[in-house]
């Protein structure tokens, strides 16, 4: 199943347009991502989106936190954890990258390489991603919207992350971060780009499985006592 957990959320009308385009291109589930200032209001769009997209594509919402203040990030995570099917934090700052990967309540560290000359991930951080089951997200738009040396740097950072991924096997997800219908690509084209920059078919399939697992895990989070232990109804 093709999951995209990072399609930039907008107005109701624009969300419907981009969702329909995504469906036409083979995507089966998208998450509309909103920052910490807009997320609460975005949730009010759910019913109207359900009516407009019923039978077309599955959707949900991602809280995408953007901040360099670690305490502020923790505050937003605690405030929205029960209401978000996915919580993602934009990386790039090393102290943010580390704090996110050490926090089991966060689902995704997005773009740890952002505005950096390196990937933003090292062996220590890769181990933290594994320990706390925090996925590292690479965004297709960072290749699509860059050219020449900036694009080469993004691809180089991707490959550095792939090398660590193969060594440590941390969760990895691939997303579009599309902001409009012009950023959406077919699932075939999306996968082919990531094959060209270093992943194989199994890696890409696992990334979609990981995205689906994040949604499934958070859908049942209220019944989780701690990792690996879940509350069940005893009907005996």
C-alpha atoms as a PDB file:
ATOM      1  CA  UNK A   1       0.000   0.000   0.000  1.00  0.00           C
ATOM      2  CA  UNK A   2       1.359   3.424  -0.948  1.00  0.00           C
ATOM      3  CA  UNK A   3       1.458   5.795   2.045  1.00  0.00           C
ATOM      4  CA  UNK A   4       2.566   9.436   2.044  1.00  0.00           C
ATOM      5  CA  UNK A   5       2.643  10.882   5.563  1.00  0.00           C
ATOM      6  CA  UNK A   6       3.722  14.370   4.534  1.00  0.00           C
ATOM      7  CA  UNK A   7       1.492  16.230   2.094  1.00  0.00           C
ATOM      8  CA  UNK A   8       1.348  19.864   3.143  1.00  0.00           C
ATOM      9  CA  UNK A   9      -2.123  20.678   4.388  1.00  0.00           C
ATOM     10  CA  UNK A  10      -3.969  23.771   3.203  1.00  0.00           C
ATOM     11  CA  UNK A  11      -7.596  24.832   2.805  1.00  0.00           C
ATOM     12  CA  UNK A  12     -10.379  22.304   2.356  1.00  0.00           C
ATOM     13  CA  UNK A  13     -10.569  22.912  -1.399  1.00  0.00           C
ATOM     14  CA  UNK A  14      -6.842  22.582  -1.988  1.00  0.00           C
ATOM     15  CA  UNK A  15      -6.664  19.470   0.178  1.00  0.00           C
ATOM     16  CA  UNK A  16      -9.389  17.833  -1.891  1.00  0.00           C
ATOM     17  CA  UNK A  17      -7.622  18.718  -5.154  1.00  0.00           C
ATOM     18  CA  UNK A  18      -4.267  17.347  -4.100  1.00  0.00           C
ATOM     19  CA  UNK A  19      -5.846  14.213  -2.610  1.00  0.00           C
ATOM     20  CA  UNK A  20      -7.728  13.430  -5.813  1.00  0.00           C
ATOM     21  CA  UNK A  21      -4.549  13.963  -7.843  1.00  0.00           C
ATOM     22  CA  UNK A  22      -2.642  11.678  -5.477  1.00  0.00           C
ATOM     23  CA  UNK A  23      -5.296   8.991  -5.885  1.00  0.00           C
ATOM     24  CA  UNK A  24      -5.138   9.292  -9.676  1.00  0.00           C
ATOM     25  CA  UNK A  25      -1.375   8.759  -9.441  1.00  0.00           C
ATOM     26  CA  UNK A  26      -1.661   5.564  -7.411  1.00  0.00           C
ATOM     27  CA  UNK A  27      -1.386   6.744  -3.817  1.00  0.00           C
ATOM     28  CA  UNK A  28      -3.723   4.987  -1.386  1.00  0.00           C
ATOM     29  CA  UNK A  29      -3.251   7.011   1.804  1.00  0.00           C
ATOM     30  CA  UNK A  30      -1.980  10.517   2.489  1.00  0.00           C
ATOM     31  CA  UNK A  31      -1.529  12.516   5.665  1.00  0.00           C
ATOM     32  CA  UNK A  32      -2.059  16.258   5.516  1.00  0.00           C
ATOM     33  CA  UNK A  33       0.705  17.854   7.597  1.00  0.00           C
ATOM     34  CA  UNK A  34       0.153  21.027   9.593  1.00  0.00           C
ATOM     35  CA  UNK A  35       2.447  22.875  11.962  1.00  0.00           C
ATOM     36  CA  UNK A  36       1.818  23.326  15.665  1.00  0.00           C
ATOM     37  CA  UNK A  37      -0.028  26.608  15.106  1.00  0.00           C
ATOM     38  CA  UNK A  38      -2.515  25.266  12.549  1.00  0.00           C
ATOM     39  CA  UNK A  39      -2.982  21.641  13.549  1.00  0.00           C
ATOM     40  CA  UNK A  40      -5.910  22.076  15.938  1.00  0.00           C
ATOM     41  CA  UNK A  41      -7.945  24.031  13.373  1.00  0.00           C
ATOM     42  CA  UNK A  42      -7.030  21.547  10.651  1.00  0.00           C
ATOM     43  CA  UNK A  43      -8.730  18.751  12.562  1.00  0.00           C
ATOM     44  CA  UNK A  44     -12.057  20.546  12.081  1.00  0.00           C
ATOM     45  CA  UNK A  45     -11.781  19.763   8.341  1.00  0.00           C
ATOM     46  CA  UNK A  46     -11.995  16.018   8.929  1.00  0.00           C
ATOM     47  CA  UNK A  47     -15.754  15.566   8.417  1.00  0.00           C
ATOM     48  CA  UNK A  48     -15.882  17.623   5.213  1.00  0.00           C
ATOM     49  CA  UNK A  49     -12.824  15.834   3.857  1.00  0.00           C
ATOM     50  CA  UNK A  50     -14.454  12.508   4.667  1.00  0.00           C
ATOM     51  CA  UNK A  51     -17.492  13.523   2.636  1.00  0.00           C
ATOM     52  CA  UNK A  52     -15.396  14.746  -0.303  1.00  0.00           C
ATOM     53  CA  UNK A  53     -12.873  11.895  -0.393  1.00  0.00           C
ATOM     54  CA  UNK A  54     -15.046   8.925   0.560  1.00  0.00           C
ATOM     55  CA  UNK A  55     -14.109   5.999  -1.646  1.00  0.00           C
ATOM     56  CA  UNK A  56     -11.296   7.959  -3.317  1.00  0.00           C
ATOM     57  CA  UNK A  57      -8.355   7.897  -0.904  1.00  0.00           C
ATOM     58  CA  UNK A  58      -7.709   7.370   2.797  1.00  0.00           C
ATOM     59  CA  UNK A  59      -6.328  10.324   4.726  1.00  0.00           C
ATOM     60  CA  UNK A  60      -5.354  11.525   8.168  1.00  0.00           C
ATOM     61  CA  UNK A  61      -3.330  14.343   9.715  1.00  0.00           C
ATOM     62  CA  UNK A  62       0.316  14.750  10.692  1.00  0.00           C
ATOM     63  CA  UNK A  63       1.479  17.269  13.257  1.00  0.00           C
ATOM     64  CA  UNK A  64       4.706  18.670  11.822  1.00  0.00           C
ATOM     65  CA  UNK A  65       6.566  20.597  14.505  1.00  0.00           C
ATOM     66  CA  UNK A  66       9.060  23.223  13.437  1.00  0.00           C
ATOM     67  CA  UNK A  67      11.171  24.629  16.265  1.00  0.00           C
ATOM     68  CA  UNK A  68      14.773  24.760  17.424  1.00  0.00           C
ATOM     69  CA  UNK A  69      13.654  24.871  21.070  1.00  0.00           C
ATOM     70  CA  UNK A  70      13.774  21.353  22.486  1.00  0.00           C
ATOM     71  CA  UNK A  71      11.505  22.191  25.421  1.00  0.00           C
ATOM     72  CA  UNK A  72       8.921  23.688  23.071  1.00  0.00           C
ATOM     73  CA  UNK A  73       9.013  20.550  20.945  1.00  0.00           C
ATOM     74  CA  UNK A  74       8.371  18.360  24.003  1.00  0.00           C
ATOM     75  CA  UNK A  75       5.475  20.596  25.033  1.00  0.00           C
ATOM     76  CA  UNK A  76       3.768  20.319  21.638  1.00  0.00           C
ATOM     77  CA  UNK A  77       4.299  16.559  21.546  1.00  0.00           C
ATOM     78  CA  UNK A  78       2.664  16.126  24.944  1.00  0.00           C
ATOM     79  CA  UNK A  79      -0.216  18.442  24.024  1.00  0.00           C
ATOM     80  CA  UNK A  80      -1.087  16.753  20.732  1.00  0.00           C
ATOM     81  CA  UNK A  81       0.026  13.142  21.161  1.00  0.00           C
ATOM     82  CA  UNK A  82      -3.486  11.770  21.670  1.00  0.00           C
ATOM     83  CA  UNK A  83      -4.902  13.699  18.695  1.00  0.00           C
ATOM     84  CA  UNK A  84      -2.287  13.076  16.014  1.00  0.00           C
ATOM     85  CA  UNK A  85      -1.982   9.925  13.931  1.00  0.00           C
ATOM     86  CA  UNK A  86       1.614  10.966  13.260  1.00  0.00           C
ATOM     87  CA  UNK A  87       3.923  13.457  14.977  1.00  0.00           C
ATOM     88  CA  UNK A  88       6.884  14.644  12.941  1.00  0.00           C
ATOM     89  CA  UNK A  89       9.595  17.162  13.796  1.00  0.00           C
ATOM     90  CA  UNK A  90      11.601  19.015  11.155  1.00  0.00           C
ATOM     91  CA  UNK A  91      15.291  18.446  11.753  1.00  0.00           C
ATOM     92  CA  UNK A  92      18.523  20.022  10.630  1.00  0.00           C
ATOM     93  CA  UNK A  93      19.666  21.389  13.965  1.00  0.00           C
ATOM     94  CA  UNK A  94      21.813  18.718  15.628  1.00  0.00           C
ATOM     95  CA  UNK A  95      20.351  19.248  19.077  1.00  0.00           C
ATOM     96  CA  UNK A  96      16.863  18.875  17.602  1.00  0.00           C
ATOM     97  CA  UNK A  97      17.878  15.746  15.691  1.00  0.00           C
ATOM     98  CA  UNK A  98      19.191  14.185  18.891  1.00  0.00           C
ATOM     99  CA  UNK A  99      16.247  15.224  21.081  1.00  0.00           C
ATOM    100  CA  UNK A 100      13.742  13.854  18.574  1.00  0.00           C
ATOM    101  CA  UNK A 101      15.476  10.507  18.175  1.00  0.00           C
ATOM    102  CA  UNK A 102      15.645  10.133  21.957  1.00  0.00           C
ATOM    103  CA  UNK A 103      11.892  10.723  22.390  1.00  0.00           C
ATOM    104  CA  UNK A 104       9.730   7.615  22.060  1.00  0.00           C
ATOM    105  CA  UNK A 105       6.575   9.762  21.821  1.00  0.00           C
ATOM    106  CA  UNK A 106       7.697  11.181  18.455  1.00  0.00           C
ATOM    107  CA  UNK A 107       7.100   9.172  15.297  1.00  0.00           C
ATOM    108  CA  UNK A 108       9.293  10.877  12.703  1.00  0.00           C
ATOM    109  CA  UNK A 109      12.421  13.000  12.393  1.00  0.00           C
ATOM    110  CA  UNK A 110      11.884  14.749   9.073  1.00  0.00           C
ATOM    111  CA  UNK A 111      14.752  15.993   6.919  1.00  0.00           C
ATOM    112  CA  UNK A 112      17.628  15.767   9.440  1.00  0.00           C
ATOM    113  CA  UNK A 113      19.878  17.086   6.664  1.00  0.00           C
ATOM    114  CA  UNK A 114      17.939  20.351   6.200  1.00  0.00           C
ATOM    115  CA  UNK A 115      20.221  23.373   5.683  1.00  0.00           C
ATOM    116  CA  UNK A 116      23.268  21.267   6.529  1.00  0.00           C
ATOM    117  CA  UNK A 117      26.458  20.268   4.718  1.00  0.00           C
ATOM    118  CA  UNK A 118      26.119  16.745   6.126  1.00  0.00           C
ATOM    119  CA  UNK A 119      23.251  14.312   6.602  1.00  0.00           C
ATOM    120  CA  UNK A 120      22.584  15.300  10.213  1.00  0.00           C
ATOM    121  CA  UNK A 121      22.721  11.628  11.215  1.00  0.00           C
ATOM    122  CA  UNK A 122      25.648   9.689  12.644  1.00  0.00           C
ATOM    123  CA  UNK A 123      26.098   6.260  14.206  1.00  0.00           C
ATOM    124  CA  UNK A 124      25.066   7.423  17.669  1.00  0.00           C
ATOM    125  CA  UNK A 125      21.853   8.993  16.384  1.00  0.00           C
ATOM    126  CA  UNK A 126      21.117   5.985  14.178  1.00  0.00           C
ATOM    127  CA  UNK A 127      21.235   3.772  17.277  1.00  0.00           C
ATOM    128  CA  UNK A 128      18.842   6.131  19.083  1.00  0.00           C
ATOM    129  CA  UNK A 129      16.418   5.903  16.151  1.00  0.00           C
ATOM    130  CA  UNK A 130      16.447   2.125  16.505  1.00  0.00           C
ATOM    131  CA  UNK A 131      16.170   2.211  20.302  1.00  0.00           C
ATOM    132  CA  UNK A 132      13.162   4.535  20.324  1.00  0.00           C
ATOM    133  CA  UNK A 133      11.570   3.421  17.045  1.00  0.00           C
ATOM    134  CA  UNK A 134      11.658   6.924  15.554  1.00  0.00           C
ATOM    135  CA  UNK A 135      11.537   6.940  11.757  1.00  0.00           C
ATOM    136  CA  UNK A 136      13.796   9.152   9.666  1.00  0.00           C
ATOM    137  CA  UNK A 137      11.957  10.805   6.791  1.00  0.00           C
ATOM    138  CA  UNK A 138      13.437  11.740   3.420  1.00  0.00           C
ATOM    139  CA  UNK A 139      11.379  14.093   1.277  1.00  0.00           C
ATOM    140  CA  UNK A 140      11.021  13.776  -2.486  1.00  0.00           C
ATOM    141  CA  UNK A 141      10.475  17.523  -2.821  1.00  0.00           C
ATOM    142  CA  UNK A 142      14.039  18.168  -1.686  1.00  0.00           C
ATOM    143  CA  UNK A 143      15.196  16.510  -4.908  1.00  0.00           C
ATOM    144  CA  UNK A 144      12.369  17.831  -7.072  1.00  0.00           C
ATOM    145  CA  UNK A 145      12.827  21.492  -6.134  1.00  0.00           C
ATOM    146  CA  UNK A 146      16.636  21.690  -6.193  1.00  0.00           C
ATOM    147  CA  UNK A 147      19.122  21.875  -9.070  1.00  0.00           C
ATOM    148  CA  UNK A 148      22.838  21.450  -9.780  1.00  0.00           C
ATOM    149  CA  UNK A 149      25.053  21.516  -6.670  1.00  0.00           C
ATOM    150  CA  UNK A 150      22.200  21.851  -4.106  1.00  0.00           C
ATOM    151  CA  UNK A 151      20.513  18.767  -5.591  1.00  0.00           C
ATOM    152  CA  UNK A 152      23.818  16.899  -5.617  1.00  0.00           C
ATOM    153  CA  UNK A 153      24.238  17.712  -1.930  1.00  0.00           C
ATOM    154  CA  UNK A 154      20.741  16.457  -1.087  1.00  0.00           C
ATOM    155  CA  UNK A 155      21.409  13.205  -2.936  1.00  0.00           C
ATOM    156  CA  UNK A 156      24.768  12.835  -1.190  1.00  0.00           C
ATOM    157  CA  UNK A 157      23.058  13.283   2.180  1.00  0.00           C
ATOM    158  CA  UNK A 158      20.421  10.718   1.210  1.00  0.00           C
ATOM    159  CA  UNK A 159      23.152   8.210   0.369  1.00  0.00           C
ATOM    160  CA  UNK A 160      24.913   8.806   3.681  1.00  0.00           C
ATOM    161  CA  UNK A 161      21.615   8.096   5.452  1.00  0.00           C
ATOM    162  CA  UNK A 162      21.071   4.972   3.325  1.00  0.00           C
ATOM    163  CA  UNK A 163      24.489   3.664   4.400  1.00  0.00           C
ATOM    164  CA  UNK A 164      23.566   4.083   8.067  1.00  0.00           C
ATOM    165  CA  UNK A 165      20.124   2.598   7.422  1.00  0.00           C
ATOM    166  CA  UNK A 166      21.646  -0.574   6.002  1.00  0.00           C
ATOM    167  CA  UNK A 167      24.036  -0.865   8.938  1.00  0.00           C
ATOM    168  CA  UNK A 168      21.611  -0.126  11.791  1.00  0.00           C
ATOM    169  CA  UNK A 169      18.168  -0.839  10.267  1.00  0.00           C
ATOM    170  CA  UNK A 170      16.360   2.133  11.806  1.00  0.00           C
ATOM    171  CA  UNK A 171      12.825   2.955  10.562  1.00  0.00           C
ATOM    172  CA  UNK A 172      12.941   4.895   7.285  1.00  0.00           C
ATOM    173  CA  UNK A 173      10.038   6.551   5.485  1.00  0.00           C
ATOM    174  CA  UNK A 174       9.828   8.329   2.147  1.00  0.00           C
ATOM    175  CA  UNK A 175       7.380  11.185   1.648  1.00  0.00           C
ATOM    176  CA  UNK A 176       6.600  13.736  -1.037  1.00  0.00           C
ATOM    177  CA  UNK A 177       6.117  16.863   1.086  1.00  0.00           C
ATOM    178  CA  UNK A 178       3.989  18.022  -1.844  1.00  0.00           C
ATOM    179  CA  UNK A 179       2.515  21.499  -1.501  1.00  0.00           C
ATOM    180  CA  UNK A 180       0.355  21.453  -4.633  1.00  0.00           C
ATOM    181  CA  UNK A 181      -0.822  19.162  -7.414  1.00  0.00           C
ATOM    182  CA  UNK A 182       2.335  20.124  -9.318  1.00  0.00           C
ATOM    183  CA  UNK A 183       4.515  18.420  -6.698  1.00  0.00           C
ATOM    184  CA  UNK A 184       2.678  15.094  -6.815  1.00  0.00           C
ATOM    185  CA  UNK A 185       4.228  12.334  -8.915  1.00  0.00           C
ATOM    186  CA  UNK A 186       3.012   8.863  -9.782  1.00  0.00           C
ATOM    187  CA  UNK A 187       4.010   6.135  -7.369  1.00  0.00           C
ATOM    188  CA  UNK A 188       6.138   4.631 -10.159  1.00  0.00           C
ATOM    189  CA  UNK A 189       8.082   7.857 -10.745  1.00  0.00           C
ATOM    190  CA  UNK A 190       8.431   8.428  -6.995  1.00  0.00           C
ATOM    191  CA  UNK A 191       9.930   4.984  -6.474  1.00  0.00           C
ATOM    192  CA  UNK A 192      12.194   5.241  -9.511  1.00  0.00           C
ATOM    193  CA  UNK A 193      13.799   8.431  -8.210  1.00  0.00           C
ATOM    194  CA  UNK A 194      14.667   6.762  -4.914  1.00  0.00           C
ATOM    195  CA  UNK A 195      16.033   3.745  -6.781  1.00  0.00           C
ATOM    196  CA  UNK A 196      18.310   6.069  -8.737  1.00  0.00           C
ATOM    197  CA  UNK A 197      19.697   7.636  -5.558  1.00  0.00           C
ATOM    198  CA  UNK A 198      20.481   4.362  -3.823  1.00  0.00           C
ATOM    199  CA  UNK A 199      17.515   2.357  -2.537  1.00  0.00           C
ATOM    200  CA  UNK A 200      16.258  -0.935  -3.920  1.00  0.00           C
ATOM    201  CA  UNK A 201      12.689  -2.180  -4.287  1.00  0.00           C
ATOM    202  CA  UNK A 202      12.702  -3.936  -0.913  1.00  0.00           C
ATOM    203  CA  UNK A 203      13.931  -0.792   0.858  1.00  0.00           C
ATOM    204  CA  UNK A 204      11.174   1.276  -0.721  1.00  0.00           C
ATOM    205  CA  UNK A 205       8.494  -1.303   0.065  1.00  0.00           C
ATOM    206  CA  UNK A 206       9.670  -1.396   3.684  1.00  0.00           C
ATOM    207  CA  UNK A 207       9.429   2.396   3.898  1.00  0.00           C
ATOM    208  CA  UNK A 208       5.742   2.233   2.951  1.00  0.00           C
ATOM    209  CA  UNK A 209       5.207  -0.598   5.444  1.00  0.00           C
ATOM    210  CA  UNK A 210       6.845   1.538   8.127  1.00  0.00           C
ATOM    211  CA  UNK A 211       4.532   4.454   7.362  1.00  0.00           C
ATOM    212  CA  UNK A 212       1.521   2.159   7.628  1.00  0.00           C
ATOM    213  CA  UNK A 213       2.823   0.721  10.899  1.00  0.00           C
ATOM    214  CA  UNK A 214       3.100   4.227  12.393  1.00  0.00           C
ATOM    215  CA  UNK A 215      -0.573   4.876  11.669  1.00  0.00           C
ATOM    216  CA  UNK A 216      -1.624   1.475  12.997  1.00  0.00           C
ATOM    217  CA  UNK A 217       0.423   1.873  16.183  1.00  0.00           C
ATOM    218  CA  UNK A 218      -0.961   5.317  16.935  1.00  0.00           C
ATOM    219  CA  UNK A 219      -4.500   4.200  16.163  1.00  0.00           C
ATOM    220  CA  UNK A 220      -4.190   1.853  19.138  1.00  0.00           C
ATOM    221  CA  UNK A 221      -1.914   4.035  21.283  1.00  0.00           C
ATOM    222  CA  UNK A 222      -4.534   4.630  23.990  1.00  0.00           C
ATOM    223  CA  UNK A 223      -4.456   0.889  24.745  1.00  0.00           C
ATOM    224  CA  UNK A 224      -0.664   0.723  24.966  1.00  0.00           C
ATOM    225  CA  UNK A 225       0.646   0.540  28.511  1.00  0.00           C
ATOM    226  CA  UNK A 226       4.257   0.646  27.325  1.00  0.00           C
ATOM    227  CA  UNK A 227       6.090  -0.544  24.243  1.00  0.00           C
ATOM    228  CA  UNK A 228       5.113  -4.142  23.528  1.00  0.00           C
ATOM    229  CA  UNK A 229       2.333  -4.313  26.140  1.00  0.00           C
ATOM    230  CA  UNK A 230      -1.236  -3.543  25.119  1.00  0.00           C
ATOM    231  CA  UNK A 231      -4.481  -3.444  27.100  1.00  0.00           C
ATOM    232  CA  UNK A 232      -7.133  -5.825  25.725  1.00  0.00           C
ATOM    233  CA  UNK A 233     -10.797  -6.394  26.531  1.00  0.00           C
ATOM    234  CA  UNK A 234     -11.306  -9.559  28.531  1.00  0.00           C
ATOM    235  CA  UNK A 235     -14.564 -11.050  27.342  1.00  0.00           C
ATOM    236  CA  UNK A 236     -14.001 -14.405  28.984  1.00  0.00           C
END
